[in-house]
């Protein structure tokens, strides 16, 4: 299969103009306890407050707005553990098309319910023994629907990167400049989009992926310079960001633009979830708290301005 042309920083700016009427500009939060704990100035991008509860609506909205009327008439298909599913379902309802979602049978109940709420058809699969891409491809072949993958899609990547444009602007408005940004990472679409945005508007900013320690394929791939897979045997605590291997398209961007990959144990993620609830008054799902966990447990932020993304809040 031919790899799509990677998006450019200009595509992130274009995506922002395209999706702004349809999404929430989520706030940049500051917290004295977090600054005191880390010794830095921490800027929290609260995507848990986005419509559908995660950043995924950005990429889904951009991708659907790029379809032709004829494509929208045939419907869209996606595969997702839940957040991309909800985003595609929500965007599909908004733009008057039908969504079919291939979702793991063990996805959190709240994500299945919310996806169904937006009117999508849900096709369950066993993530240990079945191939979600093959199932989605079969549905597309049978129906003529358009596949919108969760990260291997230039319009999805560009849409996700719009949150970094917002964060850089909000930081500047507060008289701050981002030294680093830490981004929760599964397939790599969000961190790729953020890196594209920041290489244009804040080129000195170092961008880091953040992953569960048992699912650190991006960190290992960045260190080696080529893609390596996960064992698929680790904990499923951070279910939203568990992927077999970094995306080919996303890694082509990330290997150029990312500084390194960070990881966090389940215990560190649990502590981050609790910290967000106690101090930020936000519900954050484990996968959405990995950047905060990496910041709190292993990243040396003292004296730095560091942006982190709380990427999702769809927890049972």
Protein backbone atom coordinates (compact mmCIF):
# COMPACT_ATOMS: atom_id res chain seq x y z
CA UNK A 1 0.00 0.00 0.00
CA UNK A 2 1.33 3.43 -0.93
CA UNK A 3 1.98 5.66 2.06
CA UNK A 4 -0.05 8.90 2.00
CA UNK A 5 1.86 12.16 1.65
CA UNK A 6 2.62 13.37 5.20
CA UNK A 7 0.89 16.59 6.24
CA UNK A 8 2.85 19.82 6.58
CA UNK A 9 2.59 22.60 9.18
CA UNK A 10 0.45 24.52 6.69
CA UNK A 11 -2.06 21.66 6.80
CA UNK A 12 -2.40 22.07 10.57
CA UNK A 13 -3.15 25.77 10.13
CA UNK A 14 -5.69 24.96 7.40
CA UNK A 15 -7.29 22.34 9.62
CA UNK A 16 -7.67 24.86 12.39
CA UNK A 17 -9.53 27.30 10.15
CA UNK A 18 -11.72 24.43 8.93
CA UNK A 19 -12.70 22.88 12.27
CA UNK A 20 -12.93 25.92 14.57
CA UNK A 21 -16.72 26.33 14.19
CA UNK A 22 -17.26 22.69 15.16
CA UNK A 23 -15.03 22.13 18.21
CA UNK A 24 -14.31 23.61 21.63
CA UNK A 25 -11.16 25.65 22.15
CA UNK A 26 -10.16 23.87 25.34
CA UNK A 27 -8.51 25.85 28.13
CA UNK A 28 -4.88 26.03 29.17
CA UNK A 29 -4.82 25.36 32.91
CA UNK A 30 -2.21 26.25 35.53
CA UNK A 31 -1.99 24.64 38.96
CA UNK A 32 0.19 25.74 41.86
CA UNK A 33 0.48 22.22 43.27
CA UNK A 34 1.71 20.87 39.93
CA UNK A 35 4.24 23.67 39.55
CA UNK A 36 5.48 23.07 43.09
CA UNK A 37 5.75 19.32 42.55
CA UNK A 38 7.75 19.61 39.32
CA UNK A 39 9.64 22.85 39.84
CA UNK A 40 8.48 24.08 36.44
CA UNK A 41 5.71 26.12 34.94
CA UNK A 42 3.29 23.48 33.69
CA UNK A 43 0.68 24.36 31.08
CA UNK A 44 -2.11 21.79 30.95
CA UNK A 45 -4.13 21.43 27.74
CA UNK A 46 -7.42 20.00 28.99
CA UNK A 47 -8.76 18.03 26.03
CA UNK A 48 -10.95 16.11 28.45
CA UNK A 49 -13.24 19.14 28.11
CA UNK A 50 -13.53 18.72 24.34
CA UNK A 51 -16.83 17.55 22.86
CA UNK A 52 -16.91 13.71 23.06
CA UNK A 53 -14.37 13.90 25.90
CA UNK A 54 -11.12 13.72 23.96
CA UNK A 55 -8.90 15.42 21.39
CA UNK A 56 -10.05 12.94 18.74
CA UNK A 57 -12.91 15.17 17.58
CA UNK A 58 -10.34 17.50 16.01
CA UNK A 59 -8.95 14.95 13.56
CA UNK A 60 -12.31 13.32 12.89
CA UNK A 61 -13.92 16.66 12.08
CA UNK A 62 -11.10 17.70 9.78
CA UNK A 63 -11.15 14.36 7.95
CA UNK A 64 -14.92 14.42 7.37
CA UNK A 65 -14.86 18.04 6.23
CA UNK A 66 -12.36 17.01 3.56
CA UNK A 67 -14.72 14.40 2.05
CA UNK A 68 -16.80 15.06 -1.03
CA UNK A 69 -20.62 15.02 -0.86
CA UNK A 70 -20.54 11.72 -2.75
CA UNK A 71 -18.20 10.17 -0.18
CA UNK A 72 -20.32 11.43 2.71
CA UNK A 73 -23.36 9.83 1.12
CA UNK A 74 -21.65 6.42 1.23
CA UNK A 75 -20.78 6.73 4.93
CA UNK A 76 -17.59 6.31 6.93
CA UNK A 77 -15.91 3.43 8.77
CA UNK A 78 -13.45 3.62 11.66
CA UNK A 79 -11.70 1.24 14.04
CA UNK A 80 -11.08 2.42 17.58
CA UNK A 81 -10.94 1.46 21.25
CA UNK A 82 -13.42 4.23 21.90
CA UNK A 83 -12.31 7.84 21.63
CA UNK A 84 -11.82 7.93 17.86
CA UNK A 85 -15.05 5.95 17.61
CA UNK A 86 -17.01 8.58 19.52
CA UNK A 87 -15.39 11.37 17.54
CA UNK A 88 -16.19 9.83 14.15
CA UNK A 89 -19.74 9.04 15.27
CA UNK A 90 -20.26 12.60 16.52
CA UNK A 91 -18.79 14.21 13.40
CA UNK A 92 -20.75 11.85 11.15
CA UNK A 93 -24.01 12.83 12.83
CA UNK A 94 -23.12 16.51 12.54
CA UNK A 95 -22.37 16.26 8.82
CA UNK A 96 -25.27 13.97 7.98
CA UNK A 97 -23.50 10.71 7.18
CA UNK A 98 -23.57 7.18 8.63
CA UNK A 99 -20.73 5.78 10.75
CA UNK A 100 -19.77 2.14 11.30
CA UNK A 101 -17.25 1.54 14.08
CA UNK A 102 -15.08 -1.57 14.57
CA UNK A 103 -14.48 -1.58 18.35
CA UNK A 104 -12.74 -4.02 20.73
CA UNK A 105 -15.19 -6.20 22.62
CA UNK A 106 -13.37 -5.24 25.84
CA UNK A 107 -13.61 -1.48 25.30
CA UNK A 108 -14.94 0.42 28.34
CA UNK A 109 -18.72 0.39 28.52
CA UNK A 110 -18.88 4.19 28.66
CA UNK A 111 -17.15 4.38 25.28
CA UNK A 112 -19.52 1.88 23.68
CA UNK A 113 -22.53 3.71 25.08
CA UNK A 114 -21.33 7.12 23.96
CA UNK A 115 -20.49 5.86 20.48
CA UNK A 116 -23.96 4.37 20.15
CA UNK A 117 -25.46 7.64 21.44
CA UNK A 118 -24.19 9.42 18.33
CA UNK A 119 -25.96 6.89 16.13
CA UNK A 120 -23.07 4.74 14.96
CA UNK A 121 -23.29 1.03 14.15
CA UNK A 122 -20.80 -0.88 16.35
CA UNK A 123 -19.03 -4.04 15.16
CA UNK A 124 -17.20 -5.73 18.11
CA UNK A 125 -13.97 -7.69 17.64
CA UNK A 126 -11.42 -9.58 19.76
CA UNK A 127 -8.27 -7.45 19.85
CA UNK A 128 -6.13 -10.49 20.77
CA UNK A 129 -7.17 -12.68 17.85
CA UNK A 130 -8.80 -10.53 15.15
CA UNK A 131 -7.42 -7.84 12.85
CA UNK A 132 -9.41 -4.63 13.08
CA UNK A 133 -7.95 -3.21 9.87
CA UNK A 134 -9.05 -6.29 7.92
CA UNK A 135 -12.57 -6.10 9.35
CA UNK A 136 -12.85 -2.41 8.48
CA UNK A 137 -11.47 -2.98 4.98
CA UNK A 138 -14.05 -5.71 4.37
CA UNK A 139 -16.88 -3.39 5.42
CA UNK A 140 -15.59 -0.65 3.12
CA UNK A 141 -15.37 -3.09 0.21
CA UNK A 142 -18.93 -4.26 0.82
CA UNK A 143 -20.52 -0.84 1.32
CA UNK A 144 -18.34 1.68 -0.50
CA UNK A 145 -17.87 3.61 2.75
CA UNK A 146 -14.71 5.64 3.37
CA UNK A 147 -12.22 4.46 6.00
CA UNK A 148 -11.06 7.09 8.51
CA UNK A 149 -8.27 5.43 10.53
CA UNK A 150 -7.39 6.78 13.99
CA UNK A 151 -3.90 8.02 13.14
CA UNK A 152 -2.61 6.84 9.74
CA UNK A 153 -4.36 9.66 7.86
CA UNK A 154 -2.92 13.08 6.97
CA UNK A 155 -6.16 14.96 7.65
CA UNK A 156 -6.54 13.28 11.04
CA UNK A 157 -2.95 14.14 12.00
CA UNK A 158 -3.38 17.75 10.89
CA UNK A 159 -6.58 18.09 12.87
CA UNK A 160 -5.02 16.74 16.05
CA UNK A 161 -2.16 19.22 15.80
CA UNK A 162 -4.52 22.17 16.15
CA UNK A 163 -4.47 21.80 19.93
CA UNK A 164 -0.75 22.62 19.96
CA UNK A 165 -1.41 25.82 18.00
CA UNK A 166 -3.92 26.82 20.66
CA UNK A 167 -1.57 25.97 23.52
CA UNK A 168 1.33 27.93 22.01
CA UNK A 169 -0.95 30.95 21.57
CA UNK A 170 -2.29 30.72 25.12
CA UNK A 171 1.25 30.38 26.48
CA UNK A 172 2.34 33.49 24.58
CA UNK A 173 -0.69 35.39 25.89
CA UNK A 174 0.49 34.51 29.40
CA UNK A 175 4.00 35.76 28.60
CA UNK A 176 5.43 32.25 28.37
CA UNK A 177 7.20 30.20 25.72
CA UNK A 178 7.06 26.40 25.67
CA UNK A 179 10.40 24.75 26.37
CA UNK A 180 8.86 21.29 25.97
CA UNK A 181 5.59 19.53 25.30
CA UNK A 182 4.72 16.01 26.44
CA UNK A 183 1.98 14.20 24.53
CA UNK A 184 0.14 10.93 25.25
CA UNK A 185 0.96 8.53 22.43
CA UNK A 186 -0.57 5.38 20.97
CA UNK A 187 -0.28 5.20 17.20
CA UNK A 188 1.41 8.59 17.14
CA UNK A 189 -1.11 10.82 15.38
CA UNK A 190 -1.57 13.37 18.16
CA UNK A 191 2.12 13.82 18.89
CA UNK A 192 2.90 14.00 15.16
CA UNK A 193 0.32 16.74 14.65
CA UNK A 194 1.59 18.65 17.68
CA UNK A 195 5.19 18.36 16.48
CA UNK A 196 4.22 19.68 13.05
CA UNK A 197 2.44 22.63 14.60
CA UNK A 198 5.23 23.49 17.01
CA UNK A 199 8.06 23.17 14.49
CA UNK A 200 6.37 26.10 12.74
CA UNK A 201 5.14 28.36 15.56
CA UNK A 202 7.60 27.41 18.34
CA UNK A 203 10.59 25.68 16.73
CA UNK A 204 12.68 25.67 19.93
CA UNK A 205 10.09 23.53 21.75
CA UNK A 206 11.17 19.94 22.42
CA UNK A 207 8.35 17.46 21.82
CA UNK A 208 8.17 14.13 23.67
CA UNK A 209 5.87 11.15 23.29
CA UNK A 210 4.55 9.56 26.49
CA UNK A 211 3.50 5.91 26.66
CA UNK A 212 2.68 3.17 29.18
CA UNK A 213 5.86 1.34 30.16
CA UNK A 214 4.54 -1.98 28.80
CA UNK A 215 3.53 -0.38 25.47
CA UNK A 216 6.58 1.75 24.65
CA UNK A 217 6.89 1.04 20.94
CA UNK A 218 7.29 4.71 19.99
CA UNK A 219 10.01 5.33 22.60
CA UNK A 220 11.96 2.27 21.46
CA UNK A 221 11.40 3.09 17.79
CA UNK A 222 12.68 6.64 18.26
CA UNK A 223 15.79 5.34 20.02
CA UNK A 224 16.49 2.81 17.25
CA UNK A 225 15.46 4.95 14.28
CA UNK A 226 13.00 2.41 12.88
CA UNK A 227 9.60 1.02 13.89
CA UNK A 228 9.45 -1.81 16.41
CA UNK A 229 6.33 -3.54 17.70
CA UNK A 230 4.85 -4.05 21.13
CA UNK A 231 4.71 -7.55 22.59
CA UNK A 232 0.92 -7.14 23.14
CA UNK A 233 1.39 -8.84 26.52
CA UNK A 234 1.38 -5.82 28.81
CA UNK A 235 -1.26 -4.37 31.10
CA UNK A 236 -4.41 -2.97 29.50
CA UNK A 237 -4.81 -0.25 32.12
CA UNK A 238 -4.23 2.50 29.54
CA UNK A 239 -6.63 0.94 27.04
CA UNK A 240 -7.11 4.06 24.91
CA UNK A 241 -3.53 4.14 23.62
CA UNK A 242 -2.59 0.48 23.17
CA UNK A 243 -1.44 -0.10 19.59
CA UNK A 244 0.64 -2.89 18.01
CA UNK A 245 3.29 -0.69 16.36
CA UNK A 246 3.80 3.00 15.59
CA UNK A 247 1.98 4.12 12.47
CA UNK A 248 4.13 4.18 9.36
CA UNK A 249 2.91 7.64 8.39
CA UNK A 250 3.05 9.02 11.92
CA UNK A 251 6.52 7.63 12.56
CA UNK A 252 7.83 9.21 9.36
CA UNK A 253 7.00 12.53 11.05
CA UNK A 254 7.90 11.64 14.62
CA UNK A 255 11.37 10.28 13.87
CA UNK A 256 12.22 13.70 12.37
CA UNK A 257 10.58 16.01 14.87
CA UNK A 258 10.41 14.33 18.29
CA UNK A 259 13.19 14.71 20.86
CA UNK A 260 12.61 11.35 22.60
CA UNK A 261 10.00 9.06 24.08
CA UNK A 262 9.01 8.98 27.75
CA UNK A 263 7.22 6.19 29.62
CA UNK A 264 5.21 5.79 32.80
CA UNK A 265 4.29 2.76 34.87
CA UNK A 266 0.68 1.90 35.66
CA UNK A 267 1.33 3.06 39.23
CA UNK A 268 2.54 6.44 37.98
CA UNK A 269 -0.48 6.74 35.70
CA UNK A 270 -2.84 5.91 38.55
CA UNK A 271 -1.17 8.61 40.66
CA UNK A 272 -1.59 11.08 37.79
CA UNK A 273 -5.29 10.25 37.42
CA UNK A 274 -5.74 10.85 41.14
CA UNK A 275 -3.73 14.09 41.02
CA UNK A 276 -5.86 15.42 38.17
CA UNK A 277 -9.03 14.61 40.07
CA UNK A 278 -7.82 16.07 43.36
CA UNK A 279 -6.01 19.19 42.16
CA UNK A 280 -7.35 19.97 38.68
CA UNK A 281 -10.90 18.75 39.40
CA UNK A 282 -10.86 16.80 36.13
CA UNK A 283 -11.79 13.22 35.30
CA UNK A 284 -8.99 11.79 33.16
CA UNK A 285 -8.90 8.24 31.81
CA UNK A 286 -5.61 6.35 32.31
CA UNK A 287 -4.51 6.65 28.67
CA UNK A 288 -5.21 10.36 28.78
CA UNK A 289 -3.07 10.84 31.88
CA UNK A 290 0.17 9.27 30.63
CA UNK A 291 1.79 12.60 29.74
CA UNK A 292 1.03 13.91 33.23
CA UNK A 293 2.36 10.67 34.70
CA UNK A 294 5.61 10.93 32.75
CA UNK A 295 5.98 14.55 33.83
CA UNK A 296 5.41 13.71 37.49
CA UNK A 297 7.51 10.54 37.62
CA UNK A 298 10.48 10.90 35.29
CA UNK A 299 10.76 14.20 33.39
CA UNK A 300 13.00 16.91 34.85
CA UNK A 301 10.90 20.05 34.45
CA UNK A 302 12.61 22.28 37.00
CA UNK A 303 12.97 25.80 35.61
CA UNK A 304 11.17 24.92 32.37
CA UNK A 305 7.85 25.81 30.79
CA UNK A 306 6.28 22.47 29.89
CA UNK A 307 3.01 21.79 28.11
CA UNK A 308 1.17 18.53 28.68
CA UNK A 309 -2.00 17.18 27.12
CA UNK A 310 -4.73 15.53 29.16
CA UNK A 311 -5.95 13.80 26.05
CA UNK A 312 -9.11 11.98 27.15
CA UNK A 313 -11.58 11.66 29.98
CA UNK A 314 -13.86 8.79 28.99
CA UNK A 315 -13.44 6.55 32.02
CA UNK A 316 -16.02 4.14 33.46
